[in-house]
Amino acid sequence: MNISKLPARSFYRSLNVERVVLPKSLTEIGERVFAESQLKEVHLYENLTTIGESAFAGCIRLANITIPANITTIGASAFADCKVLSSVVFEPNSAITTIANNAFANTAIQTITIPTQVAKIGASAFADCKALSSVVFESSCSITAIVNNTFANTPIQTITIPAQVAMIDETAFFNCKTLHTVQFESGSKLTTINTAFKGLPALQTVTIPANVRSIESSAFSDCAQLSNVFFEENAQLTRIGGGFSGSFGYGAFQNCKKLKEIQIPASVEIIEAAAFNRCTSLSRITFERGSNLKTIGGGGNVSKGGLTVISYHGAFSQCTALTAIEIPASVEVIEPAAFNECTSLVSVIFEKDSRLSKICGGILTDSYGIQCNAALGAFRNCTALTGIDIPAEVRTIEAGAFKNCAALKSVTFESDSQLETIEGGSYYKDDYYGAFSDCPSLEAITIPANVKSIGHSAFANCTSLSDISFVENSVLTTIEDNAFYQCPYIHTIDATHCALIASIGSEAFSSSNEIRLFKIGTMTPPECSSNPFGQVGTYSVLKVPSGTTEAYKSAKYWKAFASITGLNE
């Protein structure tokens, strides 16, 4: 019998066909030839090149199939819904290039080895294979993409992605609840990792190929068991993605609560908002030598409805196991809430020759632009942080940057500091967000020469602060309202080197009932708003420039000092 093709539906829904020996001359099995029949056994010969669409679909008694080496195409749904089909074997040196959509969907396949020549696997090709635990790609497999739902709803445990794969669809591994290890063949061409692995509950280990440039937002978020993330040598990665909308964060590794350590490749330039947010076991973050990192992202949101919800989306916000970090010299900006509520963070070190220009903060506003009682400080609520040495290139420390760092005892500034502004602000009088407000362990502060203004409540409620001084050639002009409010134990304010102070705000030093010595180098008494110095005692001494004592003795609020004498007296 010299037949090259079985016509479509030849044995469609046949109740009598159980075993078939096909002609050796056959090259193609057409559409639905054996679909929904009682076929149990079929032998395919080597001349066969094509298995058509739904050719064996719904053959619920077919248990195994061997695919001849010369077959190049398995059509859409060819074996779909063959519910007892547990064994699919491709003969050695298989020429197959295409496994079409749904080809083996909803079968009982336990393992599958994909031949080298396969260049395309269609959507849902192995979806809903409830027994599929092992997928192996032969070495140098030609496949270039793993498309939507290819392995969705299967119990695969490990996967090694072939080197030629340049795209993995977001749903390729949807609901693969037992997938615990993802590896990539050496020389991988993948450049972007999207959300294909998002929320996989068993994923423990992933190795990121060197060629990957971007790990997209939410890529591995909510992978509750992810504990090992490795990067191949010579990584080209530039972006670890993130972001947020309202109270929802989209960090690449957000909520990976078993992740304990991460080494960021030198090529990374930005770690976006929420990237590692709430990685509560992350205790060690290191940066590869020669880091090009420029931005550590962050931000926050407030939403008002029946309940006000304040959300912080810093890159490392709420990494509560993190104890120390060294910020690379290349970093230029640390954005709002970047390390918010890293409650075990004791040490922050900036690499030598840091280019950091801004330590961000700010005040949250709602959708109507109304301020809320919430600060966005980069290091807000880092309650274990004991000291910080601010790099010379930092020009701005924004509102709330170090608010409520309860253990912060020492704040120093590198020599030649370029700092110009220490910011602050308030919602109401007692709801404030100064850069260093609520740092009750801070004992002394020396303000760099280039600082022009000290913002509203900048050091409010620093209840152990006793000594304030200013570096030589200070250009300070403004101390705003409540700048040192509720700092009851200030003993000495040495502004000898401040020749340009023009104004001191309301209650700037109020509640400071222990001021014993205030030195100031400004020739004209600065204008003061109400109650700037609190209750000045009979022991309070004011030292002023030579020849200005009478001016200070007659100036409002300054004249309250019991003794006003020259700086050299």
Foldseek 3Di string as FASTA:
>chain_A
DQDAEDDACCQALPAPAAEDEDDQNYAEYEHCPNALYCHAYYADHQNHAEYYACPHANNCNHAEDEAHQRHAEQYARVHANNANHAYYHYDPNHNHAEQEHCSHDNYQHQEDEAEQNHAYYYALVHANNANHAYYHYPANRNHAEQEANVHENYQHAEDEAEQNHQYYYLRSHHPNQRHAYYHYPANHNHAEQEQNQAQRQRHAEYEAEQNHAEYEFRNHANNQRHAYYHYDPNHQHAEQYKDDDAQDIGASHANNQNHAEDEAEQNHAEQEWQNHHQNQNHAYYHYPPNHQHAEFYWDWAWEDDPDIDIHTTASQDNNQNHAEDEAELNYAEYEFRNHHQNQNHAYYHYDPNHNHAEFYKDFYAHPVRQTDLDMRASQANNQNHAEDEAEQNHAEQEWQNHAQNQNHAYYHYDPNHNHAEFEWAANDPPRITASQDNHCNHAEDEAEQNHAEQYACNHEQNQNHAYYHYDANHNHAYYEHCSHHNNQRHAEYHQLRHQHHAEYEACVQANPARHQEYEHEHQAPHHYDHPPRHQADLNHEYEYAPPRQVNQCPDPPSVNHNYYYHPVD
